[in-house]
């Protein structure tokens, strides 16, 4: 299967330009709540819109282009904006308006982003 080209441009600003239909949409990293894989598309949920931005591509390819200090892969189908995490409860991450699953294999990666106080 030929590798697909992802339609994302990284800008000098802390933002992405995402190809949506026939135009490029600027989305600041800080506005991205989460990304969700959906077949051949990635849904991008932001604070700026109640509707997801649909982008053709694979979530793994998108992940490679995102800055690690803003985002964390938490499941094979989800990448979260770390600053939007409200709380983590065992295998679930609350993002405020959405909850996403947390896979055991991604727990160490997520834990490394925070100072853990017990």
PDB file of N, CA and C in Angstrom:
ATOM      1  N   UNK A   1       0.847  -1.175   0.000  1.00  0.00           N
ATOM      2  CA  UNK A   1       0.000   0.000   0.000  1.00  0.00           C
ATOM      3  C   UNK A   1       0.896   1.243   0.000  1.00  0.00           C
ATOM      4  N   UNK A   2       0.685   2.167  -0.935  1.00  0.00           N
ATOM      5  CA  UNK A   2       1.523   3.369  -0.986  1.00  0.00           C
ATOM      6  C   UNK A   2       1.254   4.261   0.213  1.00  0.00           C
ATOM      7  N   UNK A   3       2.321   4.916   0.655  1.00  0.00           N
ATOM      8  CA  UNK A   3       2.204   5.809   1.809  1.00  0.00           C
ATOM      9  C   UNK A   3       1.492   7.091   1.403  1.00  0.00           C
ATOM     10  N   UNK A   4       0.526   7.527   2.228  1.00  0.00           N
ATOM     11  CA  UNK A   4      -0.227   8.742   1.949  1.00  0.00           C
ATOM     12  C   UNK A   4       0.537   9.953   2.439  1.00  0.00           C
ATOM     13  N   UNK A   5       0.397  11.047   1.727  1.00  0.00           N
ATOM     14  CA  UNK A   5       0.966  12.301   2.186  1.00  0.00           C
ATOM     15  C   UNK A   5      -0.068  13.013   3.033  1.00  0.00           C
ATOM     16  N   UNK A   6       0.338  13.435   4.198  1.00  0.00           N
ATOM     17  CA  UNK A   6      -0.543  14.144   5.110  1.00  0.00           C
ATOM     18  C   UNK A   6      -0.509  15.628   4.748  1.00  0.00           C
ATOM     19  N   UNK A   7      -1.666  16.240   4.726  1.00  0.00           N
ATOM     20  CA  UNK A   7      -1.775  17.642   4.358  1.00  0.00           C
ATOM     21  C   UNK A   7      -1.718  18.533   5.590  1.00  0.00           C
ATOM     22  N   UNK A   8      -0.516  18.640   6.163  1.00  0.00           N
ATOM     23  CA  UNK A   8      -0.295  19.504   7.323  1.00  0.00           C
ATOM     24  C   UNK A   8       0.946  20.337   7.035  1.00  0.00           C
ATOM     25  N   UNK A   9       0.895  21.578   7.385  1.00  0.00           N
ATOM     26  CA  UNK A   9       2.082  22.431   7.279  1.00  0.00           C
ATOM     27  C   UNK A   9       2.388  22.974   8.669  1.00  0.00           C
ATOM     28  N   UNK A  10       3.624  22.843   9.088  1.00  0.00           N
ATOM     29  CA  UNK A  10       4.038  23.385  10.378  1.00  0.00           C
ATOM     30  C   UNK A  10       4.484  24.824  10.140  1.00  0.00           C
ATOM     31  N   UNK A  11       4.002  25.727  10.957  1.00  0.00           N
ATOM     32  CA  UNK A  11       4.315  27.141  10.797  1.00  0.00           C
ATOM     33  C   UNK A  11       5.330  27.573  11.837  1.00  0.00           C
ATOM     34  N   UNK A  12       5.806  28.807  11.728  1.00  0.00           N
ATOM     35  CA  UNK A  12       6.716  29.366  12.724  1.00  0.00           C
ATOM     36  C   UNK A  12       5.965  29.581  14.036  1.00  0.00           C
ATOM     37  N   UNK A  13       4.692  29.901  13.949  1.00  0.00           N
ATOM     38  CA  UNK A  13       3.851  30.041  15.136  1.00  0.00           C
ATOM     39  C   UNK A  13       3.624  28.668  15.749  1.00  0.00           C
ATOM     40  N   UNK A  14       3.210  28.593  17.008  1.00  0.00           N
ATOM     41  CA  UNK A  14       2.871  27.292  17.590  1.00  0.00           C
ATOM     42  C   UNK A  14       1.504  26.842  17.063  1.00  0.00           C
ATOM     43  N   UNK A  15       1.465  26.546  15.759  1.00  0.00           N
ATOM     44  CA  UNK A  15       0.205  26.210  15.107  1.00  0.00           C
ATOM     45  C   UNK A  15       0.445  25.278  13.928  1.00  0.00           C
ATOM     46  N   UNK A  16      -0.630  24.666  13.486  1.00  0.00           N
ATOM     47  CA  UNK A  16      -0.638  23.838  12.283  1.00  0.00           C
ATOM     48  C   UNK A  16      -1.504  24.514  11.235  1.00  0.00           C
ATOM     49  N   UNK A  17      -1.202  24.274   9.992  1.00  0.00           N
ATOM     50  CA  UNK A  17      -2.110  24.610   8.906  1.00  0.00           C
ATOM     51  C   UNK A  17      -2.625  23.280   8.389  1.00  0.00           C
ATOM     52  N   UNK A  18      -3.933  23.094   8.456  1.00  0.00           N
ATOM     53  CA  UNK A  18      -4.540  21.821   8.096  1.00  0.00           C
ATOM     54  C   UNK A  18      -5.388  22.010   6.846  1.00  0.00           C
ATOM     55  N   UNK A  19      -5.151  21.161   5.871  1.00  0.00           N
ATOM     56  CA  UNK A  19      -5.905  21.232   4.623  1.00  0.00           C
ATOM     57  C   UNK A  19      -7.313  20.715   4.880  1.00  0.00           C
ATOM     58  N   UNK A  20      -8.309  21.588   4.701  1.00  0.00           N
ATOM     59  CA  UNK A  20      -9.720  21.237   4.851  1.00  0.00           C
ATOM     60  C   UNK A  20     -10.417  21.671   3.568  1.00  0.00           C
ATOM     61  N   UNK A  21     -10.926  20.694   2.821  1.00  0.00           N
ATOM     62  CA  UNK A  21     -11.531  20.947   1.519  1.00  0.00           C
ATOM     63  C   UNK A  21     -10.532  21.698   0.630  1.00  0.00           C
ATOM     64  N   UNK A  22     -10.848  22.933   0.286  1.00  0.00           N
ATOM     65  CA  UNK A  22      -9.991  23.684  -0.626  1.00  0.00           C
ATOM     66  C   UNK A  22      -9.223  24.821   0.047  1.00  0.00           C
ATOM     67  N   UNK A  23      -9.207  24.829   1.376  1.00  0.00           N
ATOM     68  CA  UNK A  23      -8.490  25.901   2.058  1.00  0.00           C
ATOM     69  C   UNK A  23      -7.636  25.327   3.188  1.00  0.00           C
ATOM     70  N   UNK A  24      -6.756  26.160   3.717  1.00  0.00           N
ATOM     71  CA  UNK A  24      -5.899  25.795   4.839  1.00  0.00           C
ATOM     72  C   UNK A  24      -6.432  26.472   6.094  1.00  0.00           C
ATOM     73  N   UNK A  25      -6.619  25.712   7.144  1.00  0.00           N
ATOM     74  CA  UNK A  25      -7.140  26.213   8.408  1.00  0.00           C
ATOM     75  C   UNK A  25      -6.005  26.248   9.432  1.00  0.00           C
ATOM     76  N   UNK A  26      -5.780  27.426  10.044  1.00  0.00           N
ATOM     77  CA  UNK A  26      -4.751  27.544  11.082  1.00  0.00           C
ATOM     78  C   UNK A  26      -5.347  27.126  12.417  1.00  0.00           C
ATOM     79  N   UNK A  27      -4.675  26.187  13.069  1.00  0.00           N
ATOM     80  CA  UNK A  27      -5.111  25.705  14.379  1.00  0.00           C
ATOM     81  C   UNK A  27      -3.917  25.776  15.323  1.00  0.00           C
ATOM     82  N   UNK A  28      -4.051  26.550  16.396  1.00  0.00           N
ATOM     83  CA  UNK A  28      -2.983  26.643  17.384  1.00  0.00           C
ATOM     84  C   UNK A  28      -2.900  25.344  18.179  1.00  0.00           C
ATOM     85  N   UNK A  29      -1.680  24.917  18.498  1.00  0.00           N
ATOM     86  CA  UNK A  29      -1.489  23.705  19.296  1.00  0.00           C
ATOM     87  C   UNK A  29      -2.294  23.772  20.586  1.00  0.00           C
ATOM     88  N   UNK A  30      -2.280  24.925  21.207  1.00  0.00           N
ATOM     89  CA  UNK A  30      -2.957  25.082  22.500  1.00  0.00           C
ATOM     90  C   UNK A  30      -4.473  24.938  22.393  1.00  0.00           C
ATOM     91  N   UNK A  31      -5.032  25.059  21.191  1.00  0.00           N
ATOM     92  CA  UNK A  31      -6.474  24.900  20.992  1.00  0.00           C
ATOM     93  C   UNK A  31      -6.887  23.452  20.736  1.00  0.00           C
ATOM     94  N   UNK A  32      -5.932  22.576  20.462  1.00  0.00           N
ATOM     95  CA  UNK A  32      -6.261  21.181  20.133  1.00  0.00           C
ATOM     96  C   UNK A  32      -6.470  20.390  21.420  1.00  0.00           C
ATOM     97  N   UNK A  33      -7.696  19.909  21.596  1.00  0.00           N
ATOM     98  CA  UNK A  33      -8.036  19.108  22.773  1.00  0.00           C
ATOM     99  C   UNK A  33      -7.584  17.672  22.565  1.00  0.00           C
ATOM    100  N   UNK A  34      -7.966  17.096  21.430  1.00  0.00           N
ATOM    101  CA  UNK A  34      -7.580  15.720  21.133  1.00  0.00           C
ATOM    102  C   UNK A  34      -7.718  15.425  19.654  1.00  0.00           C
ATOM    103  N   UNK A  35      -7.054  14.351  19.246  1.00  0.00           N
ATOM    104  CA  UNK A  35      -7.151  13.837  17.885  1.00  0.00           C
ATOM    105  C   UNK A  35      -7.623  12.399  17.987  1.00  0.00           C
ATOM    106  N   UNK A  36      -8.548  12.023  17.124  1.00  0.00           N
ATOM    107  CA  UNK A  36      -9.130  10.690  17.162  1.00  0.00           C
ATOM    108  C   UNK A  36      -9.069  10.054  15.779  1.00  0.00           C
ATOM    109  N   UNK A  37      -8.543   8.835  15.702  1.00  0.00           N
ATOM    110  CA  UNK A  37      -8.504   8.105  14.436  1.00  0.00           C
ATOM    111  C   UNK A  37      -9.911   7.636  14.095  1.00  0.00           C
ATOM    112  N   UNK A  38     -10.265   7.766  12.828  1.00  0.00           N
ATOM    113  CA  UNK A  38     -11.579   7.339  12.356  1.00  0.00           C
ATOM    114  C   UNK A  38     -11.421   6.836  10.918  1.00  0.00           C
ATOM    115  N   UNK A  39     -11.156   5.531  10.786  1.00  0.00           N
ATOM    116  CA  UNK A  39     -10.886   4.903   9.489  1.00  0.00           C
ATOM    117  C   UNK A  39      -9.707   5.589   8.802  1.00  0.00           C
ATOM    118  N   UNK A  40      -9.905   6.168   7.650  1.00  0.00           N
ATOM    119  CA  UNK A  40      -8.838   6.831   6.896  1.00  0.00           C
ATOM    120  C   UNK A  40      -8.749   8.319   7.230  1.00  0.00           C
ATOM    121  N   UNK A  41      -9.400   8.736   8.300  1.00  0.00           N
ATOM    122  CA  UNK A  41      -9.426  10.147   8.679  1.00  0.00           C
ATOM    123  C   UNK A  41      -8.968  10.328  10.115  1.00  0.00           C
ATOM    124  N   UNK A  42      -8.636  11.565  10.439  1.00  0.00           N
ATOM    125  CA  UNK A  42      -8.333  11.956  11.811  1.00  0.00           C
ATOM    126  C   UNK A  42      -9.285  13.090  12.160  1.00  0.00           C
ATOM    127  N   UNK A  43     -10.000  12.926  13.276  1.00  0.00           N
ATOM    128  CA  UNK A  43     -10.875  13.985  13.780  1.00  0.00           C
ATOM    129  C   UNK A  43     -10.061  14.814  14.764  1.00  0.00           C
ATOM    130  N   UNK A  44     -10.091  16.129  14.574  1.00  0.00           N
ATOM    131  CA  UNK A  44      -9.370  17.029  15.460  1.00  0.00           C
ATOM    132  C   UNK A  44     -10.389  17.868  16.213  1.00  0.00           C
ATOM    133  N   UNK A  45     -10.418  17.698  17.535  1.00  0.00           N
ATOM    134  CA  UNK A  45     -11.343  18.445  18.385  1.00  0.00           C
ATOM    135  C   UNK A  45     -10.589  19.627  18.985  1.00  0.00           C
ATOM    136  N   UNK A  46     -11.170  20.819  18.845  1.00  0.00           N
ATOM    137  CA  UNK A  46     -10.511  22.038  19.335  1.00  0.00           C
ATOM    138  C   UNK A  46     -11.425  22.821  20.265  1.00  0.00           C
ATOM    139  N   UNK A  47     -10.819  23.763  20.967  1.00  0.00           N
ATOM    140  CA  UNK A  47     -11.598  24.653  21.825  1.00  0.00           C
ATOM    141  C   UNK A  47     -12.326  25.704  20.997  1.00  0.00           C
ATOM    142  N   UNK A  48     -11.902  25.898  19.761  1.00  0.00           N
ATOM    143  CA  UNK A  48     -12.460  26.956  18.917  1.00  0.00           C
ATOM    144  C   UNK A  48     -13.761  26.571  18.231  1.00  0.00           C
ATOM    145  N   UNK A  49     -14.096  25.283  18.193  1.00  0.00           N
ATOM    146  CA  UNK A  49     -15.289  24.855  17.462  1.00  0.00           C
ATOM    147  C   UNK A  49     -15.946  23.668  18.163  1.00  0.00           C
ATOM    148  N   UNK A  50     -17.284  23.625  18.165  1.00  0.00           N
ATOM    149  CA  UNK A  50     -17.962  22.472  18.745  1.00  0.00           C
ATOM    150  C   UNK A  50     -17.913  21.253  17.825  1.00  0.00           C
ATOM    151  N   UNK A  51     -17.523  21.463  16.565  1.00  0.00           N
ATOM    152  CA  UNK A  51     -17.463  20.383  15.586  1.00  0.00           C
ATOM    153  C   UNK A  51     -16.011  19.976  15.344  1.00  0.00           C
ATOM    154  N   UNK A  52     -15.807  18.699  15.086  1.00  0.00           N
ATOM    155  CA  UNK A  52     -14.458  18.208  14.809  1.00  0.00           C
ATOM    156  C   UNK A  52     -14.038  18.596  13.399  1.00  0.00           C
ATOM    157  N   UNK A  53     -12.748  18.823  13.241  1.00  0.00           N
ATOM    158  CA  UNK A  53     -12.164  19.034  11.919  1.00  0.00           C
ATOM    159  C   UNK A  53     -11.793  17.651  11.399  1.00  0.00           C
ATOM    160  N   UNK A  54     -12.260  17.304  10.220  1.00  0.00           N
ATOM    161  CA  UNK A  54     -11.960  16.002   9.616  1.00  0.00           C
ATOM    162  C   UNK A  54     -10.822  16.176   8.629  1.00  0.00           C
ATOM    163  N   UNK A  55      -9.789  15.371   8.806  1.00  0.00           N
ATOM    164  CA  UNK A  55      -8.622  15.451   7.945  1.00  0.00           C
ATOM    165  C   UNK A  55      -8.299  14.055   7.435  1.00  0.00           C
ATOM    166  N   UNK A  56      -8.083  13.896   6.146  1.00  0.00           N
ATOM    167  CA  UNK A  56      -7.722  12.609   5.588  1.00  0.00           C
ATOM    168  C   UNK A  56      -6.291  12.281   5.996  1.00  0.00           C
ATOM    169  N   UNK A  57      -6.079  11.078   6.506  1.00  0.00           N
ATOM    170  CA  UNK A  57      -4.741  10.658   6.911  1.00  0.00           C
ATOM    171  C   UNK A  57      -4.796   9.653   8.047  1.00  0.00           C
ATOM    172  N   UNK A  58      -3.632   9.173   8.408  1.00  0.00           N
ATOM    173  CA  UNK A  58      -3.498   8.193   9.482  1.00  0.00           C
ATOM    174  C   UNK A  58      -2.954   8.889  10.729  1.00  0.00           C
ATOM    175  N   UNK A  59      -3.461   8.503  11.881  1.00  0.00           N
ATOM    176  CA  UNK A  59      -3.100   9.182  13.128  1.00  0.00           C
ATOM    177  C   UNK A  59      -1.606   9.043  13.446  1.00  0.00           C
ATOM    178  N   UNK A  60      -0.995   7.937  13.077  1.00  0.00           N
ATOM    179  CA  UNK A  60       0.430   7.757  13.320  1.00  0.00           C
ATOM    180  C   UNK A  60       1.282   8.740  12.534  1.00  0.00           C
ATOM    181  N   UNK A  61       0.874   9.034  11.317  1.00  0.00           N
ATOM    182  CA  UNK A  61       1.604  10.006  10.505  1.00  0.00           C
ATOM    183  C   UNK A  61       1.432  11.418  11.053  1.00  0.00           C
ATOM    184  N   UNK A  62       0.240  11.714  11.537  1.00  0.00           N
ATOM    185  CA  UNK A  62      -0.012  13.027  12.130  1.00  0.00           C
ATOM    186  C   UNK A  62       0.805  13.169  13.410  1.00  0.00           C
ATOM    187  N   UNK A  63       0.844  12.111  14.216  1.00  0.00           N
ATOM    188  CA  UNK A  63       1.587  12.141  15.475  1.00  0.00           C
ATOM    189  C   UNK A  63       3.055  12.516  15.265  1.00  0.00           C
ATOM    190  N   UNK A  64       3.652  12.029  14.206  1.00  0.00           N
ATOM    191  CA  UNK A  64       5.062  12.309  13.924  1.00  0.00           C
ATOM    192  C   UNK A  64       5.318  13.793  13.676  1.00  0.00           C
ATOM    193  N   UNK A  65       4.295  14.527  13.282  1.00  0.00           N
ATOM    194  CA  UNK A  65       4.461  15.940  12.970  1.00  0.00           C
ATOM    195  C   UNK A  65       4.066  16.863  14.123  1.00  0.00           C
ATOM    196  N   UNK A  66       3.531  16.298  15.196  1.00  0.00           N
ATOM    197  CA  UNK A  66       3.103  17.104  16.336  1.00  0.00           C
ATOM    198  C   UNK A  66       4.240  17.241  17.351  1.00  0.00           C
ATOM    199  N   UNK A  67       4.362  18.398  17.990  1.00  0.00           N
ATOM    200  CA  UNK A  67       5.412  18.566  19.014  1.00  0.00           C
ATOM    201  C   UNK A  67       5.077  17.770  20.279  1.00  0.00           C
ATOM    202  N   UNK A  68       6.047  17.004  20.741  1.00  0.00           N
ATOM    203  CA  UNK A  68       5.844  16.119  21.892  1.00  0.00           C
ATOM    204  C   UNK A  68       5.536  16.865  23.184  1.00  0.00           C
ATOM    205  N   UNK A  69       5.938  18.125  23.298  1.00  0.00           N
ATOM    206  CA  UNK A  69       5.662  18.856  24.544  1.00  0.00           C
ATOM    207  C   UNK A  69       4.204  19.307  24.644  1.00  0.00           C
ATOM    208  N   UNK A  70       3.454  19.254  23.556  1.00  0.00           N
ATOM    209  CA  UNK A  70       2.035  19.618  23.573  1.00  0.00           C
ATOM    210  C   UNK A  70       1.106  18.404  23.570  1.00  0.00           C
ATOM    211  N   UNK A  71       1.565  17.282  23.020  1.00  0.00           N
ATOM    212  CA  UNK A  71       0.679  16.147  22.761  1.00  0.00           C
ATOM    213  C   UNK A  71       1.243  14.836  23.274  1.00  0.00           C
ATOM    214  N   UNK A  72       0.327  13.895  23.559  1.00  0.00           N
ATOM    215  CA  UNK A  72       0.726  12.581  24.047  1.00  0.00           C
ATOM    216  C   UNK A  72      -0.221  11.524  23.474  1.00  0.00           C
ATOM    217  N   UNK A  73       0.345  10.483  22.915  1.00  0.00           N
ATOM    218  CA  UNK A  73      -0.457   9.351  22.437  1.00  0.00           C
ATOM    219  C   UNK A  73      -0.875   8.552  23.654  1.00  0.00           C
ATOM    220  N   UNK A  74      -2.184   8.259  23.788  1.00  0.00           N
ATOM    221  CA  UNK A  74      -2.683   7.551  24.967  1.00  0.00           C
ATOM    222  C   UNK A  74      -3.420   6.261  24.611  1.00  0.00           C
ATOM    223  N   UNK A  75      -3.596   6.036  23.320  1.00  0.00           N
ATOM    224  CA  UNK A  75      -4.355   4.884  22.833  1.00  0.00           C
ATOM    225  C   UNK A  75      -4.047   4.787  21.346  1.00  0.00           C
ATOM    226  N   UNK A  76      -4.252   3.633  20.757  1.00  0.00           N
ATOM    227  CA  UNK A  76      -3.945   3.523  19.321  1.00  0.00           C
ATOM    228  C   UNK A  76      -4.806   4.445  18.474  1.00  0.00           C
ATOM    229  N   UNK A  77      -5.931   4.888  19.008  1.00  0.00           N
ATOM    230  CA  UNK A  77      -6.833   5.771  18.263  1.00  0.00           C
ATOM    231  C   UNK A  77      -6.872   7.205  18.771  1.00  0.00           C
ATOM    232  N   UNK A  78      -6.103   7.529  19.825  1.00  0.00           N
ATOM    233  CA  UNK A  78      -6.208   8.864  20.418  1.00  0.00           C
ATOM    234  C   UNK A  78      -4.856   9.489  20.735  1.00  0.00           C
ATOM    235  N   UNK A  79      -4.774  10.783  20.464  1.00  0.00           N
ATOM    236  CA  UNK A  79      -3.680  11.643  20.907  1.00  0.00           C
ATOM    237  C   UNK A  79      -4.350  12.796  21.636  1.00  0.00           C
ATOM    238  N   UNK A  80      -3.857  13.133  22.818  1.00  0.00           N
ATOM    239  CA  UNK A  80      -4.479  14.212  23.588  1.00  0.00           C
ATOM    240  C   UNK A  80      -3.560  15.416  23.695  1.00  0.00           C
ATOM    241  N   UNK A  81      -4.183  16.589  23.789  1.00  0.00           N
ATOM    242  CA  UNK A  81      -3.467  17.816  24.118  1.00  0.00           C
ATOM    243  C   UNK A  81      -3.247  17.802  25.616  1.00  0.00           C
ATOM    244  N   UNK A  82      -2.016  17.665  26.046  1.00  0.00           N
ATOM    245  CA  UNK A  82      -1.697  17.456  27.463  1.00  0.00           C
ATOM    246  C   UNK A  82      -2.290  18.543  28.353  1.00  0.00           C
ATOM    247  N   UNK A  83      -2.282  19.791  27.916  1.00  0.00           N
ATOM    248  CA  UNK A  83      -2.792  20.874  28.772  1.00  0.00           C
ATOM    249  C   UNK A  83      -4.299  20.797  28.986  1.00  0.00           C
ATOM    250  N   UNK A  84      -5.019  20.002  28.200  1.00  0.00           N
ATOM    251  CA  UNK A  84      -6.473  19.903  28.328  1.00  0.00           C
ATOM    252  C   UNK A  84      -6.921  18.729  29.189  1.00  0.00           C
ATOM    253  N   UNK A  85      -5.977  17.943  29.700  1.00  0.00           N
ATOM    254  CA  UNK A  85      -6.336  16.826  30.569  1.00  0.00           C
ATOM    255  C   UNK A  85      -6.833  17.376  31.901  1.00  0.00           C
ATOM    256  N   UNK A  86      -8.044  16.966  32.269  1.00  0.00           N
ATOM    257  CA  UNK A  86      -8.617  17.391  33.562  1.00  0.00           C
ATOM    258  C   UNK A  86      -8.226  16.403  34.656  1.00  0.00           C
ATOM    259  N   UNK A  87      -8.430  15.092  34.385  1.00  0.00           N
ATOM    260  CA  UNK A  87      -7.994  14.066  35.328  1.00  0.00           C
ATOM    261  C   UNK A  87      -7.887  12.717  34.628  1.00  0.00           C
ATOM    262  N   UNK A  88      -7.123  11.827  35.275  1.00  0.00           N
ATOM    263  CA  UNK A  88      -6.941  10.465  34.779  1.00  0.00           C
ATOM    264  C   UNK A  88      -7.453   9.526  35.850  1.00  0.00           C
ATOM    265  N   UNK A  89      -8.285   8.575  35.445  1.00  0.00           N
ATOM    266  CA  UNK A  89      -8.853   7.611  36.388  1.00  0.00           C
ATOM    267  C   UNK A  89      -8.665   6.212  35.792  1.00  0.00           C
ATOM    268  N   UNK A  90      -7.669   5.495  36.258  1.00  0.00           N
ATOM    269  CA  UNK A  90      -7.325   4.151  35.796  1.00  0.00           C
ATOM    270  C   UNK A  90      -7.112   4.112  34.280  1.00  0.00           C
ATOM    271  N   UNK A  91      -8.130   3.727  33.544  1.00  0.00           N
ATOM    272  CA  UNK A  91      -7.984   3.559  32.091  1.00  0.00           C
ATOM    273  C   UNK A  91      -8.811   4.582  31.306  1.00  0.00           C
ATOM    274  N   UNK A  92      -9.055   5.739  31.906  1.00  0.00           N
ATOM    275  CA  UNK A  92      -9.878   6.761  31.282  1.00  0.00           C
ATOM    276  C   UNK A  92      -9.271   8.141  31.529  1.00  0.00           C
ATOM    277  N   UNK A  93      -9.268   8.975  30.503  1.00  0.00           N
ATOM    278  CA  UNK A  93      -8.772  10.345  30.623  1.00  0.00           C
ATOM    279  C   UNK A  93      -9.935  11.289  30.375  1.00  0.00           C
ATOM    280  N   UNK A  94     -10.179  12.199  31.307  1.00  0.00           N
ATOM    281  CA  UNK A  94     -11.230  13.189  31.148  1.00  0.00           C
ATOM    282  C   UNK A  94     -10.616  14.449  30.554  1.00  0.00           C
ATOM    283  N   UNK A  95     -11.181  14.881  29.427  1.00  0.00           N
ATOM    284  CA  UNK A  95     -10.694  16.071  28.726  1.00  0.00           C
ATOM    285  C   UNK A  95     -11.681  17.227  28.877  1.00  0.00           C
ATOM    286  N   UNK A  96     -12.531  17.140  29.878  1.00  0.00           N
ATOM    287  CA  UNK A  96     -13.562  18.160  30.062  1.00  0.00           C
ATOM    288  C   UNK A  96     -14.839  17.712  29.381  1.00  0.00           C
ATOM    289  N   UNK A  97     -14.965  18.034  28.117  1.00  0.00           N
ATOM    290  CA  UNK A  97     -16.181  17.689  27.375  1.00  0.00           C
ATOM    291  C   UNK A  97     -16.141  16.273  26.790  1.00  0.00           C
ATOM    292  N   UNK A  98     -14.981  15.633  26.775  1.00  0.00           N
ATOM    293  CA  UNK A  98     -14.847  14.286  26.224  1.00  0.00           C
ATOM    294  C   UNK A  98     -14.015  13.420  27.152  1.00  0.00           C
ATOM    295  N   UNK A  99     -14.270  12.117  27.099  1.00  0.00           N
ATOM    296  CA  UNK A  99     -13.441  11.153  27.809  1.00  0.00           C
ATOM    297  C   UNK A  99     -12.847  10.204  26.780  1.00  0.00           C
ATOM    298  N   UNK A 100     -11.585   9.861  26.961  1.00  0.00           N
ATOM    299  CA  UNK A 100     -10.910   8.957  26.031  1.00  0.00           C
ATOM    300  C   UNK A 100     -10.269   7.818  26.814  1.00  0.00           C
ATOM    301  N   UNK A 101     -10.151   6.646  26.186  1.00  0.00           N
ATOM    302  CA  UNK A 101      -9.517   5.517  26.874  1.00  0.00           C
ATOM    303  C   UNK A 101      -8.012   5.703  26.991  1.00  0.00           C
ATOM    304  N   UNK A 102      -7.444   5.143  28.041  1.00  0.00           N
ATOM    305  CA  UNK A 102      -6.000   5.138  28.245  1.00  0.00           C
ATOM    306  C   UNK A 102      -5.546   3.679  28.211  1.00  0.00           C
ATOM    307  N   UNK A 103      -4.739   3.347  27.222  1.00  0.00           N
ATOM    308  CA  UNK A 103      -4.211   1.984  27.105  1.00  0.00           C
ATOM    309  C   UNK A 103      -3.028   1.808  28.033  1.00  0.00           C
ATOM    310  N   UNK A 104      -2.900   0.606  28.616  1.00  0.00           N
ATOM    311  CA  UNK A 104      -1.825   0.320  29.574  1.00  0.00           C
ATOM    312  C   UNK A 104      -0.445   0.603  28.995  1.00  0.00           C
ATOM    313  N   UNK A 105      -0.258   0.311  27.735  1.00  0.00           N
ATOM    314  CA  UNK A 105       1.039   0.506  27.104  1.00  0.00           C
ATOM    315  C   UNK A 105       1.469   1.958  27.004  1.00  0.00           C
ATOM    316  N   UNK A 106       0.510   2.885  27.081  1.00  0.00           N
ATOM    317  CA  UNK A 106       0.826   4.313  26.966  1.00  0.00           C
ATOM    318  C   UNK A 106       0.902   5.028  28.318  1.00  0.00           C
ATOM    319  N   UNK A 107       0.622   4.322  29.408  1.00  0.00           N
ATOM    320  CA  UNK A 107       0.642   4.931  30.749  1.00  0.00           C
ATOM    321  C   UNK A 107       2.010   5.525  31.090  1.00  0.00           C
ATOM    322  N   UNK A 108       3.127   4.806  30.878  1.00  0.00           N
ATOM    323  CA  UNK A 108       4.433   5.401  31.217  1.00  0.00           C
ATOM    324  C   UNK A 108       4.716   6.690  30.439  1.00  0.00           C
ATOM    325  N   UNK A 109       4.339   6.719  29.179  1.00  0.00           N
ATOM    326  CA  UNK A 109       4.533   7.915  28.355  1.00  0.00           C
ATOM    327  C   UNK A 109       3.732   9.086  28.918  1.00  0.00           C
ATOM    328  N   UNK A 110       2.496   8.834  29.309  1.00  0.00           N
ATOM    329  CA  UNK A 110       1.656   9.886  29.888  1.00  0.00           C
ATOM    330  C   UNK A 110       2.206  10.332  31.240  1.00  0.00           C
ATOM    331  N   UNK A 111       2.580   9.383  32.087  1.00  0.00           N
ATOM    332  CA  UNK A 111       3.098   9.713  33.422  1.00  0.00           C
ATOM    333  C   UNK A 111       4.369  10.549  33.350  1.00  0.00           C
ATOM    334  N   UNK A 112       5.164  10.349  32.314  1.00  0.00           N
ATOM    335  CA  UNK A 112       6.419  11.098  32.191  1.00  0.00           C
ATOM    336  C   UNK A 112       6.173  12.582  31.905  1.00  0.00           C
ATOM    337  N   UNK A 113       4.965  12.950  31.543  1.00  0.00           N
ATOM    338  CA  UNK A 113       4.638  14.351  31.247  1.00  0.00           C
ATOM    339  C   UNK A 113       4.299  15.160  32.474  1.00  0.00           C
ATOM    340  N   UNK A 114       4.104  14.485  33.618  1.00  0.00           N
ATOM    341  CA  UNK A 114       3.642  15.156  34.816  1.00  0.00           C
ATOM    342  C   UNK A 114       4.534  14.851  36.006  1.00  0.00           C
ATOM    343  N   UNK A 115       4.525  15.728  36.985  1.00  0.00           N
ATOM    344  CA  UNK A 115       5.133  15.442  38.277  1.00  0.00           C
ATOM    345  C   UNK A 115       4.038  14.768  39.088  1.00  0.00           C
ATOM    346  N   UNK A 116       4.306  13.581  39.543  1.00  0.00           N
ATOM    347  CA  UNK A 116       3.299  12.787  40.246  1.00  0.00           C
ATOM    348  C   UNK A 116       3.435  13.003  41.755  1.00  0.00           C
ATOM    349  N   UNK A 117       2.405  13.515  42.390  1.00  0.00           N
ATOM    350  CA  UNK A 117       2.384  13.709  43.842  1.00  0.00           C
ATOM    351  C   UNK A 117       1.448  12.668  44.431  1.00  0.00           C
ATOM    352  N   UNK A 118       1.912  11.942  45.419  1.00  0.00           N
ATOM    353  CA  UNK A 118       1.060  10.909  46.019  1.00  0.00           C
ATOM    354  C   UNK A 118       0.830  11.199  47.480  1.00  0.00           C
TER     355      UNK A 118
END
